[in-house]
Each structure stands twice: as C-alpha cells, then as structure tokens.
C-alpha cells in the first residue's frame, strides 16, 4: 500500500505515531484532543462538526467558556483541558527562549510573543526581563486595558526590573484590532520608559507590537 493511501486508512492517533503530528489535519488533531465521540457520531465526525461551527482551530481556542460549551461533545472539562494545553505551549516556548541569547533568536522571540499576545481580547502590556548576557529571566504581563488601550506606568516597569535584577528589557503589547502599526501614544510611552530605565542603567532593547499576522519592531524602525 502506498504511503498516501495508508495514511487515509489510519485513525488520527495511529497516523500521528506513524507519520508525525504535522501530517494530521486540523480535524484529526482535534479528534485526538477530544478522544471520544458522542451518540451516533464518531470522534472524527464530531471534530469536523466542531471546526465547521467555530470556523477554525484558532477561533475554537479563542472561544469563551459559554460559547465553547454550547457545542455538543464539549464542556467545561474540555475547556479546562484546552486552556491547559495552550498554557503548556506558551511555557514551552518561554523555556526555549530562556535557553538562548535573545538577540540571536529574533524569530523565536516573535513566535513566543505572538503566541502570548495575538489573541488577547484586550490590550496587554508585557515585559521580557533579561540578564547581562541577554538571557531571559522572566516574561510578565504588567498592565491590562480595554480593547484599544492600556494604562502603562514607567515607574512600575522600573520597579519590577530592579526586583528582577534585570540588565535589559524588551517591551511588547498587542493591538486587538489586528493592526500592528504603533500609535503616537505607543511611541510616547516607549520614550518615557526608555528615559526612566536609563536613570537606573537598564537598557530597553526593543518594543514589539503584535497584531493579527503583523509584527512591528521599534528597533527595526530605528525608534529605539
């Protein structure tokens, strides 16, 4: 039997074990997560129905508990499991980032920040704290706002950076609108943070703005 034909006859879990996770469709990956179907509906059929209702895996991941649990075969237990899986992914990416000099892994940094911030329903302002070798000490979300703004206080960034004994930091926040282009307000608060951090001899290496499929670096624009 040819590999392509064999793949079509395998159940999702068997296919993953034989051919790797990347060989699976979205529905097959979801079927493995769901584990079982419901009355008169096998698990792969259920997975396809869930994806058809939500439109995509991403939309499913972003769903609030009420919307998630409204579909047959889903519930609060599955919702909790899915959120835990997403958090495991974020922590894995952070561990990957911690193992490297952040300046030599810009793509890894973008991947982590995109996963952390892109699908947040409101603005979130995060800081990556770095040691003198530009290795990651921690990443924390310090400020939270509405759908289009968050109040950011430079003194709080300074305070937390000193507590972390950081030598440098990277700023990041999302634009829930999906458009990553920084506003004049973004540029002003960045300048205030850079000036405040300069007083305690901590460098601001960059400020990333995360949109939907867009990513803007202040350093690449020459603004830092």
C-alpha atoms as a PDB file:
ATOM      1  CA  UNK A   1       0.000   0.000   0.000  1.00  0.00           C
ATOM      2  CA  UNK A   2       1.318   3.429  -0.915  1.00  0.00           C
ATOM      3  CA  UNK A   3       2.019   5.842   1.960  1.00  0.00           C
ATOM      4  CA  UNK A   4      -0.682   8.291   0.848  1.00  0.00           C
ATOM      5  CA  UNK A   5      -3.301   5.539   0.706  1.00  0.00           C
ATOM      6  CA  UNK A   6      -2.142   4.075   4.005  1.00  0.00           C
ATOM      7  CA  UNK A   7      -2.476   7.481   5.676  1.00  0.00           C
ATOM      8  CA  UNK A   8      -6.115   7.685   4.604  1.00  0.00           C
ATOM      9  CA  UNK A   9      -6.930   4.421   6.382  1.00  0.00           C
ATOM     10  CA  UNK A  10      -5.268   5.272   9.690  1.00  0.00           C
ATOM     11  CA  UNK A  11      -7.078   6.635  12.708  1.00  0.00           C
ATOM     12  CA  UNK A  12      -5.668  10.004  13.867  1.00  0.00           C
ATOM     13  CA  UNK A  13      -3.638   8.629  16.774  1.00  0.00           C
ATOM     14  CA  UNK A  14      -2.149   5.839  14.654  1.00  0.00           C
ATOM     15  CA  UNK A  15      -1.373   8.311  11.895  1.00  0.00           C
ATOM     16  CA  UNK A  16       0.402  10.608  14.352  1.00  0.00           C
ATOM     17  CA  UNK A  17       2.537   7.766  15.696  1.00  0.00           C
ATOM     18  CA  UNK A  18       3.454   6.539  12.217  1.00  0.00           C
ATOM     19  CA  UNK A  19       3.853   9.833  10.345  1.00  0.00           C
ATOM     20  CA  UNK A  20       4.221  12.604  12.932  1.00  0.00           C
ATOM     21  CA  UNK A  21       1.857  15.288  14.211  1.00  0.00           C
ATOM     22  CA  UNK A  22       2.483  17.575  11.223  1.00  0.00           C
ATOM     23  CA  UNK A  23       0.846  15.018   8.925  1.00  0.00           C
ATOM     24  CA  UNK A  24      -2.539  15.412  10.616  1.00  0.00           C
ATOM     25  CA  UNK A  25      -5.330  17.721   9.512  1.00  0.00           C
ATOM     26  CA  UNK A  26      -6.905  20.177  11.933  1.00  0.00           C
ATOM     27  CA  UNK A  27      -9.845  17.820  12.391  1.00  0.00           C
ATOM     28  CA  UNK A  28      -7.556  14.866  13.114  1.00  0.00           C
ATOM     29  CA  UNK A  29      -5.594  16.834  15.715  1.00  0.00           C
ATOM     30  CA  UNK A  30      -8.822  17.946  17.351  1.00  0.00           C
ATOM     31  CA  UNK A  31     -10.118  14.371  17.321  1.00  0.00           C
ATOM     32  CA  UNK A  32      -7.099  13.252  19.340  1.00  0.00           C
ATOM     33  CA  UNK A  33      -7.783  16.024  21.831  1.00  0.00           C
ATOM     34  CA  UNK A  34     -11.497  15.130  22.100  1.00  0.00           C
ATOM     35  CA  UNK A  35     -10.641  11.411  22.451  1.00  0.00           C
ATOM     36  CA  UNK A  36     -14.236  10.138  22.086  1.00  0.00           C
ATOM     37  CA  UNK A  37     -17.267  10.955  20.025  1.00  0.00           C
ATOM     38  CA  UNK A  38     -20.882  11.228  21.140  1.00  0.00           C
ATOM     39  CA  UNK A  39     -24.001   9.152  20.487  1.00  0.00           C
ATOM     40  CA  UNK A  40     -24.139   8.183  16.802  1.00  0.00           C
ATOM     41  CA  UNK A  41     -21.223  10.482  15.992  1.00  0.00           C
ATOM     42  CA  UNK A  42     -17.637   9.115  15.860  1.00  0.00           C
ATOM     43  CA  UNK A  43     -14.907  11.361  17.190  1.00  0.00           C
ATOM     44  CA  UNK A  44     -13.547  12.421  13.786  1.00  0.00           C
ATOM     45  CA  UNK A  45     -17.032  13.404  12.632  1.00  0.00           C
ATOM     46  CA  UNK A  46     -17.511  15.335  15.871  1.00  0.00           C
ATOM     47  CA  UNK A  47     -14.199  17.138  15.322  1.00  0.00           C
ATOM     48  CA  UNK A  48     -15.271  18.162  11.824  1.00  0.00           C
ATOM     49  CA  UNK A  49     -18.609  19.454  13.169  1.00  0.00           C
ATOM     50  CA  UNK A  50     -16.855  21.493  15.861  1.00  0.00           C
ATOM     51  CA  UNK A  51     -14.486  23.044  13.321  1.00  0.00           C
ATOM     52  CA  UNK A  52     -17.353  23.803  10.952  1.00  0.00           C
ATOM     53  CA  UNK A  53     -19.244  25.615  13.716  1.00  0.00           C
ATOM     54  CA  UNK A  54     -16.293  27.632  15.023  1.00  0.00           C
ATOM     55  CA  UNK A  55     -14.628  28.148  11.634  1.00  0.00           C
ATOM     56  CA  UNK A  56     -11.061  27.265  12.644  1.00  0.00           C
ATOM     57  CA  UNK A  57      -8.896  25.894  15.409  1.00  0.00           C
ATOM     58  CA  UNK A  58      -7.877  29.421  16.310  1.00  0.00           C
ATOM     59  CA  UNK A  59     -11.487  30.517  16.742  1.00  0.00           C
ATOM     60  CA  UNK A  60     -12.111  27.471  18.913  1.00  0.00           C
ATOM     61  CA  UNK A  61      -9.096  28.304  21.077  1.00  0.00           C
ATOM     62  CA  UNK A  62     -10.324  31.887  21.486  1.00  0.00           C
ATOM     63  CA  UNK A  63     -13.890  30.942  22.425  1.00  0.00           C
ATOM     64  CA  UNK A  64     -15.172  31.921  25.846  1.00  0.00           C
ATOM     65  CA  UNK A  65     -16.473  29.141  28.119  1.00  0.00           C
ATOM     66  CA  UNK A  66     -20.124  29.794  27.266  1.00  0.00           C
ATOM     67  CA  UNK A  67     -19.583  29.615  23.505  1.00  0.00           C
ATOM     68  CA  UNK A  68     -17.269  26.621  23.845  1.00  0.00           C
ATOM     69  CA  UNK A  69     -19.664  24.587  25.992  1.00  0.00           C
ATOM     70  CA  UNK A  70     -22.642  25.322  23.749  1.00  0.00           C
ATOM     71  CA  UNK A  71     -21.497  22.688  21.228  1.00  0.00           C
ATOM     72  CA  UNK A  72     -22.400  19.040  21.754  1.00  0.00           C
ATOM     73  CA  UNK A  73     -19.461  16.952  22.910  1.00  0.00           C
ATOM     74  CA  UNK A  74     -17.741  19.881  24.594  1.00  0.00           C
ATOM     75  CA  UNK A  75     -17.991  21.115  28.159  1.00  0.00           C
ATOM     76  CA  UNK A  76     -16.138  22.778  30.993  1.00  0.00           C
ATOM     77  CA  UNK A  77     -13.793  19.822  31.417  1.00  0.00           C
ATOM     78  CA  UNK A  78     -12.739  20.009  27.764  1.00  0.00           C
ATOM     79  CA  UNK A  79     -12.473  23.791  28.017  1.00  0.00           C
ATOM     80  CA  UNK A  80     -10.135  23.494  31.008  1.00  0.00           C
ATOM     81  CA  UNK A  81      -8.061  20.847  29.218  1.00  0.00           C
ATOM     82  CA  UNK A  82      -7.746  23.036  26.122  1.00  0.00           C
ATOM     83  CA  UNK A  83      -6.691  26.102  28.112  1.00  0.00           C
ATOM     84  CA  UNK A  84      -4.149  23.997  29.982  1.00  0.00           C
ATOM     85  CA  UNK A  85      -2.764  22.727  26.657  1.00  0.00           C
ATOM     86  CA  UNK A  86      -2.390  26.283  25.372  1.00  0.00           C
ATOM     87  CA  UNK A  87      -0.587  27.337  28.540  1.00  0.00           C
ATOM     88  CA  UNK A  88       1.760  24.341  28.235  1.00  0.00           C
ATOM     89  CA  UNK A  89       2.618  25.553  24.722  1.00  0.00           C
ATOM     90  CA  UNK A  90       3.362  29.079  25.965  1.00  0.00           C
ATOM     91  CA  UNK A  91       5.573  27.784  28.755  1.00  0.00           C
ATOM     92  CA  UNK A  92       7.398  25.504  26.335  1.00  0.00           C
ATOM     93  CA  UNK A  93       8.117  28.458  24.033  1.00  0.00           C
ATOM     94  CA  UNK A  94       9.323  30.511  27.001  1.00  0.00           C
ATOM     95  CA  UNK A  95      11.668  27.701  28.068  1.00  0.00           C
ATOM     96  CA  UNK A  96      13.011  27.580  24.509  1.00  0.00           C
ATOM     97  CA  UNK A  97      13.579  31.315  24.659  1.00  0.00           C
ATOM     98  CA  UNK A  98      15.321  31.118  28.046  1.00  0.00           C
ATOM     99  CA  UNK A  99      17.850  28.679  26.642  1.00  0.00           C
ATOM    100  CA  UNK A 100      19.181  31.247  24.160  1.00  0.00           C
ATOM    101  CA  UNK A 101      20.701  34.695  23.894  1.00  0.00           C
ATOM    102  CA  UNK A 102      17.557  36.560  22.912  1.00  0.00           C
ATOM    103  CA  UNK A 103      19.401  38.782  20.429  1.00  0.00           C
ATOM    104  CA  UNK A 104      20.435  35.707  18.429  1.00  0.00           C
ATOM    105  CA  UNK A 105      16.887  34.323  18.257  1.00  0.00           C
ATOM    106  CA  UNK A 106      14.598  37.109  16.998  1.00  0.00           C
ATOM    107  CA  UNK A 107      12.266  34.651  15.252  1.00  0.00           C
ATOM    108  CA  UNK A 108      11.858  32.643  18.463  1.00  0.00           C
ATOM    109  CA  UNK A 109      11.068  35.874  20.302  1.00  0.00           C
ATOM    110  CA  UNK A 110       8.432  36.826  17.736  1.00  0.00           C
ATOM    111  CA  UNK A 111       6.900  33.351  17.869  1.00  0.00           C
ATOM    112  CA  UNK A 112       6.655  33.456  21.645  1.00  0.00           C
ATOM    113  CA  UNK A 113       5.199  36.977  21.804  1.00  0.00           C
ATOM    114  CA  UNK A 114       2.725  36.232  19.017  1.00  0.00           C
ATOM    115  CA  UNK A 115       1.503  33.149  20.858  1.00  0.00           C
ATOM    116  CA  UNK A 116       1.337  35.093  24.125  1.00  0.00           C
ATOM    117  CA  UNK A 117      -0.441  38.225  22.916  1.00  0.00           C
ATOM    118  CA  UNK A 118      -2.050  37.904  19.497  1.00  0.00           C
ATOM    119  CA  UNK A 119      -5.457  36.548  20.502  1.00  0.00           C
ATOM    120  CA  UNK A 120      -5.972  38.540  23.679  1.00  0.00           C
ATOM    121  CA  UNK A 121      -9.388  40.297  23.622  1.00  0.00           C
ATOM    122  CA  UNK A 122      -7.985  43.429  25.283  1.00  0.00           C
ATOM    123  CA  UNK A 123      -4.668  45.237  25.291  1.00  0.00           C
ATOM    124  CA  UNK A 124      -1.977  43.600  27.372  1.00  0.00           C
ATOM    125  CA  UNK A 125       1.474  45.070  28.020  1.00  0.00           C
ATOM    126  CA  UNK A 126       4.254  42.565  28.709  1.00  0.00           C
ATOM    127  CA  UNK A 127       7.922  42.888  29.611  1.00  0.00           C
ATOM    128  CA  UNK A 128      10.695  40.359  28.966  1.00  0.00           C
ATOM    129  CA  UNK A 129      13.412  40.741  31.608  1.00  0.00           C
ATOM    130  CA  UNK A 130      16.981  39.891  30.561  1.00  0.00           C
ATOM    131  CA  UNK A 131      20.272  39.379  32.378  1.00  0.00           C
ATOM    132  CA  UNK A 132      23.594  40.927  31.349  1.00  0.00           C
ATOM    133  CA  UNK A 133      24.097  38.169  28.741  1.00  0.00           C
ATOM    134  CA  UNK A 134      20.663  38.904  27.242  1.00  0.00           C
ATOM    135  CA  UNK A 135      19.265  35.621  28.511  1.00  0.00           C
ATOM    136  CA  UNK A 136      15.628  35.598  29.562  1.00  0.00           C
ATOM    137  CA  UNK A 137      14.960  35.852  33.288  1.00  0.00           C
ATOM    138  CA  UNK A 138      11.189  36.057  33.010  1.00  0.00           C
ATOM    139  CA  UNK A 139       8.313  37.408  30.963  1.00  0.00           C
ATOM    140  CA  UNK A 140       5.410  39.082  32.738  1.00  0.00           C
ATOM    141  CA  UNK A 141       2.283  40.933  31.698  1.00  0.00           C
ATOM    142  CA  UNK A 142       2.295  44.085  33.823  1.00  0.00           C
ATOM    143  CA  UNK A 143      -0.642  46.102  32.509  1.00  0.00           C
ATOM    144  CA  UNK A 144      -4.088  45.256  31.164  1.00  0.00           C
ATOM    145  CA  UNK A 145      -6.572  47.502  29.440  1.00  0.00           C
ATOM    146  CA  UNK A 146      -9.610  47.713  27.212  1.00  0.00           C
ATOM    147  CA  UNK A 147      -9.965  46.672  23.591  1.00  0.00           C
ATOM    148  CA  UNK A 148      -7.999  49.701  22.390  1.00  0.00           C
ATOM    149  CA  UNK A 149      -5.763  50.949  25.209  1.00  0.00           C
ATOM    150  CA  UNK A 150      -3.955  50.087  28.417  1.00  0.00           C
ATOM    151  CA  UNK A 151      -2.580  52.444  31.055  1.00  0.00           C
ATOM    152  CA  UNK A 152       1.182  51.894  31.356  1.00  0.00           C
ATOM    153  CA  UNK A 153       3.248  53.331  34.218  1.00  0.00           C
ATOM    154  CA  UNK A 154       7.024  53.620  33.656  1.00  0.00           C
ATOM    155  CA  UNK A 155       7.721  53.627  37.406  1.00  0.00           C
ATOM    156  CA  UNK A 156       6.154  50.164  37.711  1.00  0.00           C
ATOM    157  CA  UNK A 157       8.341  48.876  34.874  1.00  0.00           C
ATOM    158  CA  UNK A 158      11.415  50.294  36.646  1.00  0.00           C
ATOM    159  CA  UNK A 159      10.351  48.818  39.976  1.00  0.00           C
ATOM    160  CA  UNK A 160       9.791  45.322  38.592  1.00  0.00           C
ATOM    161  CA  UNK A 161      13.007  45.421  36.538  1.00  0.00           C
ATOM    162  CA  UNK A 162      15.032  46.243  39.650  1.00  0.00           C
ATOM    163  CA  UNK A 163      13.288  43.457  41.572  1.00  0.00           C
ATOM    164  CA  UNK A 164      14.268  41.044  38.798  1.00  0.00           C
ATOM    165  CA  UNK A 165      17.841  42.398  38.766  1.00  0.00           C
ATOM    166  CA  UNK A 166      17.476  42.843  35.027  1.00  0.00           C
ATOM    167  CA  UNK A 167      20.198  44.365  32.884  1.00  0.00           C
ATOM    168  CA  UNK A 168      17.904  44.913  29.908  1.00  0.00           C
ATOM    169  CA  UNK A 169      14.259  44.547  28.940  1.00  0.00           C
ATOM    170  CA  UNK A 170      12.085  44.077  25.883  1.00  0.00           C
ATOM    171  CA  UNK A 171       8.607  45.611  25.806  1.00  0.00           C
ATOM    172  CA  UNK A 172       5.640  44.139  23.974  1.00  0.00           C
ATOM    173  CA  UNK A 173       1.936  44.747  23.666  1.00  0.00           C
ATOM    174  CA  UNK A 174      -0.900  43.693  21.409  1.00  0.00           C
ATOM    175  CA  UNK A 175      -3.426  45.576  19.311  1.00  0.00           C
ATOM    176  CA  UNK A 176      -6.728  43.637  19.488  1.00  0.00           C
ATOM    177  CA  UNK A 177      -7.824  45.456  16.312  1.00  0.00           C
ATOM    178  CA  UNK A 178      -5.288  43.286  14.480  1.00  0.00           C
ATOM    179  CA  UNK A 179      -3.395  46.278  13.064  1.00  0.00           C
ATOM    180  CA  UNK A 180       0.127  46.336  14.471  1.00  0.00           C
ATOM    181  CA  UNK A 181       1.083  49.865  13.387  1.00  0.00           C
ATOM    182  CA  UNK A 182       2.174  51.730  16.555  1.00  0.00           C
ATOM    183  CA  UNK A 183       0.211  54.801  17.592  1.00  0.00           C
ATOM    184  CA  UNK A 184       1.717  58.107  18.686  1.00  0.00           C
ATOM    185  CA  UNK A 185       0.711  57.125  22.218  1.00  0.00           C
ATOM    186  CA  UNK A 186       2.733  53.908  21.855  1.00  0.00           C
ATOM    187  CA  UNK A 187       5.750  55.904  20.809  1.00  0.00           C
ATOM    188  CA  UNK A 188       5.379  58.412  23.656  1.00  0.00           C
ATOM    189  CA  UNK A 189       5.099  55.798  26.392  1.00  0.00           C
ATOM    190  CA  UNK A 190       8.044  53.906  24.942  1.00  0.00           C
ATOM    191  CA  UNK A 191      10.183  57.039  25.104  1.00  0.00           C
ATOM    192  CA  UNK A 192       9.104  57.624  28.723  1.00  0.00           C
ATOM    193  CA  UNK A 193      10.059  54.050  29.652  1.00  0.00           C
ATOM    194  CA  UNK A 194      13.409  54.298  27.845  1.00  0.00           C
ATOM    195  CA  UNK A 195      14.200  57.538  29.715  1.00  0.00           C
ATOM    196  CA  UNK A 196      13.100  56.103  33.071  1.00  0.00           C
ATOM    197  CA  UNK A 197      15.102  52.911  32.597  1.00  0.00           C
ATOM    198  CA  UNK A 198      18.156  54.940  31.594  1.00  0.00           C
ATOM    199  CA  UNK A 199      18.182  56.510  35.050  1.00  0.00           C
ATOM    200  CA  UNK A 200      18.801  53.079  36.595  1.00  0.00           C
ATOM    201  CA  UNK A 201      21.149  51.904  33.829  1.00  0.00           C
ATOM    202  CA  UNK A 202      18.810  49.295  32.333  1.00  0.00           C
ATOM    203  CA  UNK A 203      18.571  49.154  28.537  1.00  0.00           C
ATOM    204  CA  UNK A 204      15.342  48.868  26.577  1.00  0.00           C
ATOM    205  CA  UNK A 205      16.319  46.717  23.599  1.00  0.00           C
ATOM    206  CA  UNK A 206      13.035  46.810  21.684  1.00  0.00           C
ATOM    207  CA  UNK A 207       9.303  47.285  21.815  1.00  0.00           C
ATOM    208  CA  UNK A 208       7.214  44.864  19.784  1.00  0.00           C
ATOM    209  CA  UNK A 209       3.613  45.496  18.758  1.00  0.00           C
ATOM    210  CA  UNK A 210       1.664  42.347  17.943  1.00  0.00           C
ATOM    211  CA  UNK A 211      -1.276  42.415  15.552  1.00  0.00           C
ATOM    212  CA  UNK A 212      -3.094  39.722  13.637  1.00  0.00           C
ATOM    213  CA  UNK A 213      -0.390  38.314  11.409  1.00  0.00           C
ATOM    214  CA  UNK A 214       1.543  41.579  11.756  1.00  0.00           C
ATOM    215  CA  UNK A 215       4.523  42.359  13.953  1.00  0.00           C
ATOM    216  CA  UNK A 216       6.244  45.729  14.345  1.00  0.00           C
ATOM    217  CA  UNK A 217       9.661  46.206  15.983  1.00  0.00           C
ATOM    218  CA  UNK A 218      10.568  49.667  17.260  1.00  0.00           C
ATOM    219  CA  UNK A 219      14.265  48.795  16.973  1.00  0.00           C
ATOM    220  CA  UNK A 220      13.876  47.835  13.307  1.00  0.00           C
ATOM    221  CA  UNK A 221      12.117  51.168  12.700  1.00  0.00           C
ATOM    222  CA  UNK A 222      15.033  52.995  14.361  1.00  0.00           C
ATOM    223  CA  UNK A 223      12.825  54.322  17.165  1.00  0.00           C
ATOM    224  CA  UNK A 224      14.940  52.828  19.974  1.00  0.00           C
END
